[in-house]
Amino acid sequence: MERVGYVYIMANRRNGTLYIGWTGDLTRRVYEHRNGLLPGFTRKYGCKFLVYYELFGDPGGAVRREKQLKEWQRAWKIRLIEQDNPLWVDLYPTLA
């Protein structure tokens, strides 16, 4: 089985609080965030909407990208989201 990685951004609303993470199973992880199954930041701030993600051929690439994005200024992150998702549509329904 080929291992892949995803880096993703969750938000609580348009231009709201952002959370950046990585996972090997995007559908499962976003489901966990949406349903408050994971303690911590996303549950505390209500980050339930998947607004951006990238696929990598290996988990290491996703981890490196996550670290890079977490260093970015907020304006850069918003610009990244709005390049592909200008209306901040929840992308979770498109994963299945």
PDB file of N, CA and C in Angstrom:
ATOM      1  N   MET A   1       0.836  -1.171   0.000  1.00  0.00           N
ATOM      2  CA  MET A   1       0.000   0.000   0.000  1.00  0.00           C
ATOM      3  C   MET A   1       0.893   1.250   0.000  1.00  0.00           C
ATOM      4  N   GLU A   2       0.603   2.170  -0.895  1.00  0.00           N
ATOM      5  CA  GLU A   2       1.367   3.399  -0.996  1.00  0.00           C
ATOM      6  C   GLU A   2       0.934   4.369   0.101  1.00  0.00           C
ATOM      7  N   ARG A   3       1.908   4.941   0.762  1.00  0.00           N
ATOM      8  CA  ARG A   3       1.600   5.921   1.821  1.00  0.00           C
ATOM      9  C   ARG A   3       1.626   7.314   1.233  1.00  0.00           C
ATOM     10  N   VAL A   4       0.612   8.072   1.539  1.00  0.00           N
ATOM     11  CA  VAL A   4       0.510   9.456   1.083  1.00  0.00           C
ATOM     12  C   VAL A   4       0.339  10.348   2.299  1.00  0.00           C
ATOM     13  N   GLY A   5       0.395  11.637   2.085  1.00  0.00           N
ATOM     14  CA  GLY A   5       0.156  12.596   3.154  1.00  0.00           C
ATOM     15  C   GLY A   5      -0.613  13.780   2.619  1.00  0.00           C
ATOM     16  N   TYR A   6      -1.366  14.379   3.493  1.00  0.00           N
ATOM     17  CA  TYR A   6      -2.130  15.583   3.157  1.00  0.00           C
ATOM     18  C   TYR A   6      -1.787  16.662   4.166  1.00  0.00           C
ATOM     19  N   VAL A   7      -1.655  17.878   3.689  1.00  0.00           N
ATOM     20  CA  VAL A   7      -1.642  19.029   4.577  1.00  0.00           C
ATOM     21  C   VAL A   7      -2.977  19.729   4.338  1.00  0.00           C
ATOM     22  N   TYR A   8      -3.581  20.234   5.393  1.00  0.00           N
ATOM     23  CA  TYR A   8      -4.932  20.781   5.261  1.00  0.00           C
ATOM     24  C   TYR A   8      -5.116  21.986   6.166  1.00  0.00           C
ATOM     25  N   ILE A   9      -6.100  22.802   5.795  1.00  0.00           N
ATOM     26  CA  ILE A   9      -6.457  23.961   6.612  1.00  0.00           C
ATOM     27  C   ILE A   9      -7.941  23.876   6.937  1.00  0.00           C
ATOM     28  N   MET A  10      -8.241  23.959   8.221  1.00  0.00           N
ATOM     29  CA  MET A  10      -9.605  23.999   8.720  1.00  0.00           C
ATOM     30  C   MET A  10      -9.885  25.427   9.188  1.00  0.00           C
ATOM     31  N   ALA A  11     -11.150  25.852   9.094  1.00  0.00           N
ATOM     32  CA  ALA A  11     -11.547  27.185   9.552  1.00  0.00           C
ATOM     33  C   ALA A  11     -12.889  27.101  10.255  1.00  0.00           C
ATOM     34  N   ASN A  12     -13.170  28.088  11.097  1.00  0.00           N
ATOM     35  CA  ASN A  12     -14.477  28.125  11.754  1.00  0.00           C
ATOM     36  C   ASN A  12     -15.482  28.971  10.963  1.00  0.00           C
ATOM     37  N   ARG A  13     -14.973  29.821  10.051  1.00  0.00           N
ATOM     38  CA  ARG A  13     -15.809  30.638   9.165  1.00  0.00           C
ATOM     39  C   ARG A  13     -14.882  31.339   8.192  1.00  0.00           C
ATOM     40  N   ARG A  14     -15.440  32.014   7.219  1.00  0.00           N
ATOM     41  CA  ARG A  14     -14.631  32.762   6.258  1.00  0.00           C
ATOM     42  C   ARG A  14     -13.812  33.822   6.996  1.00  0.00           C
ATOM     43  N   ASN A  15     -12.529  33.856   6.712  1.00  0.00           N
ATOM     44  CA  ASN A  15     -11.589  34.789   7.347  1.00  0.00           C
ATOM     45  C   ASN A  15     -11.539  34.643   8.860  1.00  0.00           C
ATOM     46  N   GLY A  16     -11.927  33.496   9.370  1.00  0.00           N
ATOM     47  CA  GLY A  16     -11.941  33.264  10.809  1.00  0.00           C
ATOM     48  C   GLY A  16     -10.669  32.588  11.295  1.00  0.00           C
ATOM     49  N   THR A  17     -10.817  31.835  12.349  1.00  0.00           N
ATOM     50  CA  THR A  17      -9.698  31.110  12.941  1.00  0.00           C
ATOM     51  C   THR A  17      -9.268  29.991  12.003  1.00  0.00           C
ATOM     52  N   LEU A  18      -7.960  29.825  11.831  1.00  0.00           N
ATOM     53  CA  LEU A  18      -7.406  28.812  10.945  1.00  0.00           C
ATOM     54  C   LEU A  18      -6.620  27.784  11.743  1.00  0.00           C
ATOM     55  N   TYR A  19      -6.694  26.536  11.291  1.00  0.00           N
ATOM     56  CA  TYR A  19      -5.888  25.453  11.853  1.00  0.00           C
ATOM     57  C   TYR A  19      -5.220  24.732  10.697  1.00  0.00           C
ATOM     58  N   ILE A  20      -3.928  24.498  10.811  1.00  0.00           N
ATOM     59  CA  ILE A  20      -3.173  23.771   9.791  1.00  0.00           C
ATOM     60  C   ILE A  20      -2.689  22.466  10.397  1.00  0.00           C
ATOM     61  N   GLY A  21      -2.910  21.374   9.673  1.00  0.00           N
ATOM     62  CA  GLY A  21      -2.456  20.072  10.136  1.00  0.00           C
ATOM     63  C   GLY A  21      -2.054  19.195   8.971  1.00  0.00           C
ATOM     64  N   TRP A  22      -1.607  17.984   9.288  1.00  0.00           N
ATOM     65  CA  TRP A  22      -1.294  17.001   8.257  1.00  0.00           C
ATOM     66  C   TRP A  22      -1.830  15.653   8.707  1.00  0.00           C
ATOM     67  N   THR A  23      -2.087  14.777   7.741  1.00  0.00           N
ATOM     68  CA  THR A  23      -2.614  13.455   8.030  1.00  0.00           C
ATOM     69  C   THR A  23      -2.358  12.527   6.851  1.00  0.00           C
ATOM     70  N   GLY A  24      -2.474  11.245   7.096  1.00  0.00           N
ATOM     71  CA  GLY A  24      -2.406  10.258   6.031  1.00  0.00           C
ATOM     72  C   GLY A  24      -3.787   9.868   5.537  1.00  0.00           C
ATOM     73  N   ASP A  25      -4.831  10.255   6.285  1.00  0.00           N
ATOM     74  CA  ASP A  25      -6.215   9.916   5.924  1.00  0.00           C
ATOM     75  C   ASP A  25      -7.074  11.167   6.117  1.00  0.00           C
ATOM     76  N   LEU A  26      -7.188  11.941   5.054  1.00  0.00           N
ATOM     77  CA  LEU A  26      -7.856  13.246   5.150  1.00  0.00           C
ATOM     78  C   LEU A  26      -9.335  13.116   5.509  1.00  0.00           C
ATOM     79  N   THR A  27     -10.032  12.201   4.888  1.00  0.00           N
ATOM     80  CA  THR A  27     -11.466  12.054   5.152  1.00  0.00           C
ATOM     81  C   THR A  27     -11.721  11.754   6.631  1.00  0.00           C
ATOM     82  N   ARG A  28     -10.966  10.808   7.179  1.00  0.00           N
ATOM     83  CA  ARG A  28     -11.132  10.446   8.591  1.00  0.00           C
ATOM     84  C   ARG A  28     -10.799  11.620   9.501  1.00  0.00           C
ATOM     85  N   ARG A  29      -9.679  12.302   9.229  1.00  0.00           N
ATOM     86  CA  ARG A  29      -9.247  13.374  10.116  1.00  0.00           C
ATOM     87  C   ARG A  29     -10.234  14.545  10.105  1.00  0.00           C
ATOM     88  N   VAL A  30     -10.723  14.913   8.936  1.00  0.00           N
ATOM     89  CA  VAL A  30     -11.689  16.018   8.875  1.00  0.00           C
ATOM     90  C   VAL A  30     -12.984  15.616   9.574  1.00  0.00           C
ATOM     91  N   TYR A  31     -13.415  14.381   9.417  1.00  0.00           N
ATOM     92  CA  TYR A  31     -14.596  13.881  10.130  1.00  0.00           C
ATOM     93  C   TYR A  31     -14.398  14.057  11.638  1.00  0.00           C
ATOM     94  N   GLU A  32     -13.218  13.704  12.125  1.00  0.00           N
ATOM     95  CA  GLU A  32     -12.930  13.838  13.560  1.00  0.00           C
ATOM     96  C   GLU A  32     -13.001  15.297  14.000  1.00  0.00           C
ATOM     97  N   HIS A  33     -12.436  16.190  13.210  1.00  0.00           N
ATOM     98  CA  HIS A  33     -12.500  17.616  13.556  1.00  0.00           C
ATOM     99  C   HIS A  33     -13.948  18.110  13.556  1.00  0.00           C
ATOM    100  N   ARG A  34     -14.688  17.768  12.515  1.00  0.00           N
ATOM    101  CA  ARG A  34     -16.069  18.241  12.370  1.00  0.00           C
ATOM    102  C   ARG A  34     -16.962  17.794  13.519  1.00  0.00           C
ATOM    103  N   ASN A  35     -16.696  16.624  14.035  1.00  0.00           N
ATOM    104  CA  ASN A  35     -17.553  16.054  15.078  1.00  0.00           C
ATOM    105  C   ASN A  35     -16.989  16.219  16.487  1.00  0.00           C
ATOM    106  N   GLY A  36     -15.955  17.030  16.620  1.00  0.00           N
ATOM    107  CA  GLY A  36     -15.397  17.318  17.944  1.00  0.00           C
ATOM    108  C   GLY A  36     -14.789  16.115  18.625  1.00  0.00           C
ATOM    109  N   LEU A  37     -14.302  15.148  17.848  1.00  0.00           N
ATOM    110  CA  LEU A  37     -13.751  13.924  18.420  1.00  0.00           C
ATOM    111  C   LEU A  37     -12.305  14.072  18.870  1.00  0.00           C
ATOM    112  N   LEU A  38     -11.645  15.144  18.427  1.00  0.00           N
ATOM    113  CA  LEU A  38     -10.256  15.388  18.797  1.00  0.00           C
ATOM    114  C   LEU A  38     -10.186  16.554  19.780  1.00  0.00           C
ATOM    115  N   PRO A  39      -9.624  16.327  20.953  1.00  0.00           N
ATOM    116  CA  PRO A  39      -9.495  17.437  21.891  1.00  0.00           C
ATOM    117  C   PRO A  39      -8.460  18.434  21.367  1.00  0.00           C
ATOM    118  N   GLY A  40      -8.584  19.665  21.777  1.00  0.00           N
ATOM    119  CA  GLY A  40      -7.575  20.647  21.418  1.00  0.00           C
ATOM    120  C   GLY A  40      -8.113  21.834  20.652  1.00  0.00           C
ATOM    121  N   PHE A  41      -7.240  22.401  19.833  1.00  0.00           N
ATOM    122  CA  PHE A  41      -7.486  23.676  19.168  1.00  0.00           C
ATOM    123  C   PHE A  41      -8.748  23.687  18.316  1.00  0.00           C
ATOM    124  N   THR A  42      -8.908  22.696  17.434  1.00  0.00           N
ATOM    125  CA  THR A  42     -10.046  22.746  16.508  1.00  0.00           C
ATOM    126  C   THR A  42     -11.375  22.624  17.232  1.00  0.00           C
ATOM    127  N   ARG A  43     -11.422  21.825  18.260  1.00  0.00           N
ATOM    128  CA  ARG A  43     -12.671  21.706  19.029  1.00  0.00           C
ATOM    129  C   ARG A  43     -12.927  22.984  19.822  1.00  0.00           C
ATOM    130  N   LYS A  44     -11.879  23.534  20.432  1.00  0.00           N
ATOM    131  CA  LYS A  44     -12.023  24.752  21.232  1.00  0.00           C
ATOM    132  C   LYS A  44     -12.516  25.929  20.396  1.00  0.00           C
ATOM    133  N   TYR A  45     -12.002  26.066  19.170  1.00  0.00           N
ATOM    134  CA  TYR A  45     -12.326  27.220  18.335  1.00  0.00           C
ATOM    135  C   TYR A  45     -13.330  26.921  17.230  1.00  0.00           C
ATOM    136  N   GLY A  46     -13.875  25.710  17.198  1.00  0.00           N
ATOM    137  CA  GLY A  46     -14.924  25.380  16.245  1.00  0.00           C
ATOM    138  C   GLY A  46     -14.471  25.330  14.796  1.00  0.00           C
ATOM    139  N   CYS A  47     -13.257  24.928  14.561  1.00  0.00           N
ATOM    140  CA  CYS A  47     -12.731  24.825  13.184  1.00  0.00           C
ATOM    141  C   CYS A  47     -13.254  23.526  12.559  1.00  0.00           C
ATOM    142  N   LYS A  48     -14.389  23.619  11.882  1.00  0.00           N
ATOM    143  CA  LYS A  48     -15.066  22.437  11.356  1.00  0.00           C
ATOM    144  C   LYS A  48     -15.136  22.392   9.837  1.00  0.00           C
ATOM    145  N   PHE A  49     -14.622  23.419   9.173  1.00  0.00           N
ATOM    146  CA  PHE A  49     -14.748  23.498   7.715  1.00  0.00           C
ATOM    147  C   PHE A  49     -13.393  23.311   7.051  1.00  0.00           C
ATOM    148  N   LEU A  50     -13.312  22.333   6.177  1.00  0.00           N
ATOM    149  CA  LEU A  50     -12.101  22.097   5.393  1.00  0.00           C
ATOM    150  C   LEU A  50     -12.096  23.100   4.250  1.00  0.00           C
ATOM    151  N   VAL A  51     -11.136  24.019   4.250  1.00  0.00           N
ATOM    152  CA  VAL A  51     -11.117  25.071   3.235  1.00  0.00           C
ATOM    153  C   VAL A  51      -9.949  24.944   2.265  1.00  0.00           C
ATOM    154  N   TYR A  52      -8.986  24.067   2.575  1.00  0.00           N
ATOM    155  CA  TYR A  52      -7.827  23.911   1.700  1.00  0.00           C
ATOM    156  C   TYR A  52      -7.122  22.600   2.026  1.00  0.00           C
ATOM    157  N   TYR A  53      -6.583  21.937   1.001  1.00  0.00           N
ATOM    158  CA  TYR A  53      -5.707  20.787   1.244  1.00  0.00           C
ATOM    159  C   TYR A  53      -4.800  20.551   0.050  1.00  0.00           C
ATOM    160  N   GLU A  54      -3.683  19.881   0.328  1.00  0.00           N
ATOM    161  CA  GLU A  54      -2.728  19.473  -0.691  1.00  0.00           C
ATOM    162  C   GLU A  54      -2.384  18.005  -0.455  1.00  0.00           C
ATOM    163  N   LEU A  55      -2.205  17.256  -1.530  1.00  0.00           N
ATOM    164  CA  LEU A  55      -1.820  15.852  -1.481  1.00  0.00           C
ATOM    165  C   LEU A  55      -0.331  15.726  -1.767  1.00  0.00           C
ATOM    166  N   PHE A  56       0.353  14.858  -1.017  1.00  0.00           N
ATOM    167  CA  PHE A  56       1.772  14.582  -1.210  1.00  0.00           C
ATOM    168  C   PHE A  56       1.969  13.083  -1.388  1.00  0.00           C
ATOM    169  N   GLY A  57       2.974  12.714  -2.128  1.00  0.00           N
ATOM    170  CA  GLY A  57       3.262  11.309  -2.387  1.00  0.00           C
ATOM    171  C   GLY A  57       3.830  10.559  -1.203  1.00  0.00           C
ATOM    172  N   ASP A  58       4.191  11.290  -0.157  1.00  0.00           N
ATOM    173  CA  ASP A  58       4.699  10.651   1.053  1.00  0.00           C
ATOM    174  C   ASP A  58       4.382  11.536   2.261  1.00  0.00           C
ATOM    175  N   PRO A  59       4.242  10.934   3.429  1.00  0.00           N
ATOM    176  CA  PRO A  59       3.922  11.718   4.628  1.00  0.00           C
ATOM    177  C   PRO A  59       4.958  12.789   4.954  1.00  0.00           C
ATOM    178  N   GLY A  60       6.232  12.512   4.646  1.00  0.00           N
ATOM    179  CA  GLY A  60       7.283  13.488   4.941  1.00  0.00           C
ATOM    180  C   GLY A  60       7.073  14.805   4.223  1.00  0.00           C
ATOM    181  N   GLY A  61       6.604  14.744   2.991  1.00  0.00           N
ATOM    182  CA  GLY A  61       6.332  15.966   2.233  1.00  0.00           C
ATOM    183  C   GLY A  61       5.230  16.787   2.878  1.00  0.00           C
ATOM    184  N   ALA A  62       4.210  16.106   3.396  1.00  0.00           N
ATOM    185  CA  ALA A  62       3.109  16.800   4.065  1.00  0.00           C
ATOM    186  C   ALA A  62       3.580  17.450   5.361  1.00  0.00           C
ATOM    187  N   VAL A  63       4.424  16.751   6.106  1.00  0.00           N
ATOM    188  CA  VAL A  63       4.945  17.303   7.366  1.00  0.00           C
ATOM    189  C   VAL A  63       5.779  18.548   7.091  1.00  0.00           C
ATOM    190  N   ARG A  64       6.638  18.494   6.078  1.00  0.00           N
ATOM    191  CA  ARG A  64       7.469  19.656   5.742  1.00  0.00           C
ATOM    192  C   ARG A  64       6.603  20.847   5.317  1.00  0.00           C
ATOM    193  N   ARG A  65       5.576  20.579   4.505  1.00  0.00           N
ATOM    194  CA  ARG A  65       4.695  21.656   4.051  1.00  0.00           C
ATOM    195  C   ARG A  65       3.914  22.249   5.223  1.00  0.00           C
ATOM    196  N   GLU A  66       3.446  21.392   6.139  1.00  0.00           N
ATOM    197  CA  GLU A  66       2.732  21.884   7.316  1.00  0.00           C
ATOM    198  C   GLU A  66       3.608  22.854   8.104  1.00  0.00           C
ATOM    199  N   LYS A  67       4.847  22.476   8.341  1.00  0.00           N
ATOM    200  CA  LYS A  67       5.761  23.346   9.091  1.00  0.00           C
ATOM    201  C   LYS A  67       5.980  24.662   8.358  1.00  0.00           C
ATOM    202  N   GLN A  68       6.102  24.582   7.031  1.00  0.00           N
ATOM    203  CA  GLN A  68       6.281  25.791   6.233  1.00  0.00           C
ATOM    204  C   GLN A  68       5.072  26.718   6.368  1.00  0.00           C
ATOM    205  N   LEU A  69       3.870  26.163   6.195  1.00  0.00           N
ATOM    206  CA  LEU A  69       2.654  26.982   6.258  1.00  0.00           C
ATOM    207  C   LEU A  69       2.448  27.599   7.635  1.00  0.00           C
ATOM    208  N   LYS A  70       2.813  26.884   8.670  1.00  0.00           N
ATOM    209  CA  LYS A  70       2.643  27.420  10.020  1.00  0.00           C
ATOM    210  C   LYS A  70       3.549  28.622  10.279  1.00  0.00           C
ATOM    211  N   GLU A  71       4.604  28.760   9.506  1.00  0.00           N
ATOM    212  CA  GLU A  71       5.502  29.907   9.623  1.00  0.00           C
ATOM    213  C   GLU A  71       5.003  31.114   8.828  1.00  0.00           C
ATOM    214  N   TRP A  72       4.087  30.909   7.921  1.00  0.00           N
ATOM    215  CA  TRP A  72       3.600  31.975   7.049  1.00  0.00           C
ATOM    216  C   TRP A  72       2.801  33.017   7.812  1.00  0.00           C
ATOM    217  N   GLN A  73       2.784  34.219   7.264  1.00  0.00           N
ATOM    218  CA  GLN A  73       1.912  35.265   7.781  1.00  0.00           C
ATOM    219  C   GLN A  73       0.461  34.900   7.464  1.00  0.00           C
ATOM    220  N   ARG A  74      -0.445  35.374   8.282  1.00  0.00           N
ATOM    221  CA  ARG A  74      -1.875  35.084   8.089  1.00  0.00           C
ATOM    222  C   ARG A  74      -2.362  35.499   6.699  1.00  0.00           C
ATOM    223  N   ALA A  75      -1.948  36.662   6.222  1.00  0.00           N
ATOM    224  CA  ALA A  75      -2.385  37.137   4.907  1.00  0.00           C
ATOM    225  C   ALA A  75      -1.978  36.172   3.799  1.00  0.00           C
ATOM    226  N   TRP A  76      -0.809  35.565   3.923  1.00  0.00           N
ATOM    227  CA  TRP A  76      -0.355  34.609   2.915  1.00  0.00           C
ATOM    228  C   TRP A  76      -1.237  33.361   2.931  1.00  0.00           C
ATOM    229  N   LYS A  77      -1.618  32.919   4.122  1.00  0.00           N
ATOM    230  CA  LYS A  77      -2.477  31.737   4.249  1.00  0.00           C
ATOM    231  C   LYS A  77      -3.842  32.009   3.626  1.00  0.00           C
ATOM    232  N   ILE A  78      -4.383  33.174   3.888  1.00  0.00           N
ATOM    233  CA  ILE A  78      -5.685  33.539   3.318  1.00  0.00           C
ATOM    234  C   ILE A  78      -5.600  33.600   1.802  1.00  0.00           C
ATOM    235  N   ARG A  79      -4.529  34.157   1.286  1.00  0.00           N
ATOM    236  CA  ARG A  79      -4.339  34.215  -0.167  1.00  0.00           C
ATOM    237  C   ARG A  79      -4.255  32.810  -0.762  1.00  0.00           C
ATOM    238  N   LEU A  80      -3.563  31.904  -0.083  1.00  0.00           N
ATOM    239  CA  LEU A  80      -3.444  30.526  -0.540  1.00  0.00           C
ATOM    240  C   LEU A  80      -4.820  29.870  -0.618  1.00  0.00           C
ATOM    241  N   ILE A  81      -5.622  30.025   0.428  1.00  0.00           N
ATOM    242  CA  ILE A  81      -6.981  29.461   0.442  1.00  0.00           C
ATOM    243  C   ILE A  81      -7.793  30.042  -0.704  1.00  0.00           C
ATOM    244  N   GLU A  82      -7.755  31.347  -0.855  1.00  0.00           N
ATOM    245  CA  GLU A  82      -8.635  32.014  -1.823  1.00  0.00           C
ATOM    246  C   GLU A  82      -8.207  31.823  -3.277  1.00  0.00           C
ATOM    247  N   GLN A  83      -6.983  31.353  -3.523  1.00  0.00           N
ATOM    248  CA  GLN A  83      -6.582  31.029  -4.899  1.00  0.00           C
ATOM    249  C   GLN A  83      -7.471  29.938  -5.480  1.00  0.00           C
ATOM    250  N   ASP A  84      -7.744  28.903  -4.695  1.00  0.00           N
ATOM    251  CA  ASP A  84      -8.539  27.765  -5.157  1.00  0.00           C
ATOM    252  C   ASP A  84      -9.948  27.731  -4.594  1.00  0.00           C
ATOM    253  N   ASN A  85     -10.187  28.460  -3.526  1.00  0.00           N
ATOM    254  CA  ASN A  85     -11.476  28.403  -2.842  1.00  0.00           C
ATOM    255  C   ASN A  85     -11.888  29.819  -2.397  1.00  0.00           C
ATOM    256  N   PRO A  86     -12.171  30.699  -3.352  1.00  0.00           N
ATOM    257  CA  PRO A  86     -12.416  32.109  -3.017  1.00  0.00           C
ATOM    258  C   PRO A  86     -13.632  32.339  -2.114  1.00  0.00           C
ATOM    259  N   LEU A  87     -14.591  31.423  -2.122  1.00  0.00           N
ATOM    260  CA  LEU A  87     -15.793  31.582  -1.290  1.00  0.00           C
ATOM    261  C   LEU A  87     -15.697  30.810   0.027  1.00  0.00           C
ATOM    262  N   TRP A  88     -14.566  30.193   0.271  1.00  0.00           N
ATOM    263  CA  TRP A  88     -14.335  29.413   1.487  1.00  0.00           C
ATOM    264  C   TRP A  88     -15.395  28.310   1.640  1.00  0.00           C
ATOM    265  N   VAL A  89     -15.707  27.653   0.568  1.00  0.00           N
ATOM    266  CA  VAL A  89     -16.667  26.543   0.588  1.00  0.00           C
ATOM    267  C   VAL A  89     -16.056  25.381   1.369  1.00  0.00           C
ATOM    268  N   ASP A  90     -16.867  24.696   2.163  1.00  0.00           N
ATOM    269  CA  ASP A  90     -16.416  23.518   2.879  1.00  0.00           C
ATOM    270  C   ASP A  90     -16.141  22.404   1.870  1.00  0.00           C
ATOM    271  N   LEU A  91     -14.900  21.933   1.798  1.00  0.00           N
ATOM    272  CA  LEU A  91     -14.504  20.930   0.806  1.00  0.00           C
ATOM    273  C   LEU A  91     -14.749  19.491   1.270  1.00  0.00           C
ATOM    274  N   TYR A  92     -15.144  19.310   2.498  1.00  0.00           N
ATOM    275  CA  TYR A  92     -15.343  17.951   3.025  1.00  0.00           C
ATOM    276  C   TYR A  92     -16.301  17.120   2.168  1.00  0.00           C
ATOM    277  N   PRO A  93     -17.443  17.664   1.733  1.00  0.00           N
ATOM    278  CA  PRO A  93     -18.354  16.853   0.923  1.00  0.00           C
ATOM    279  C   PRO A  93     -17.751  16.372  -0.400  1.00  0.00           C
ATOM    280  N   THR A  94     -16.701  17.011  -0.872  1.00  0.00           N
ATOM    281  CA  THR A  94     -16.091  16.603  -2.143  1.00  0.00           C
ATOM    282  C   THR A  94     -15.098  15.461  -1.967  1.00  0.00           C
ATOM    283  N   LEU A  95     -14.790  15.073  -0.734  1.00  0.00           N
ATOM    284  CA  LEU A  95     -13.786  14.026  -0.476  1.00  0.00           C
ATOM    285  C   LEU A  95     -14.310  12.627  -0.712  1.00  0.00           C
ATOM    286  N   ALA A  96     -15.575  12.392  -0.487  1.00  0.00           N
ATOM    287  CA  ALA A  96     -16.128  11.031  -0.581  1.00  0.00           C
ATOM    288  C   ALA A  96     -16.205  10.575  -1.994  1.00  0.00           C
TER     289      ALA A  96
END
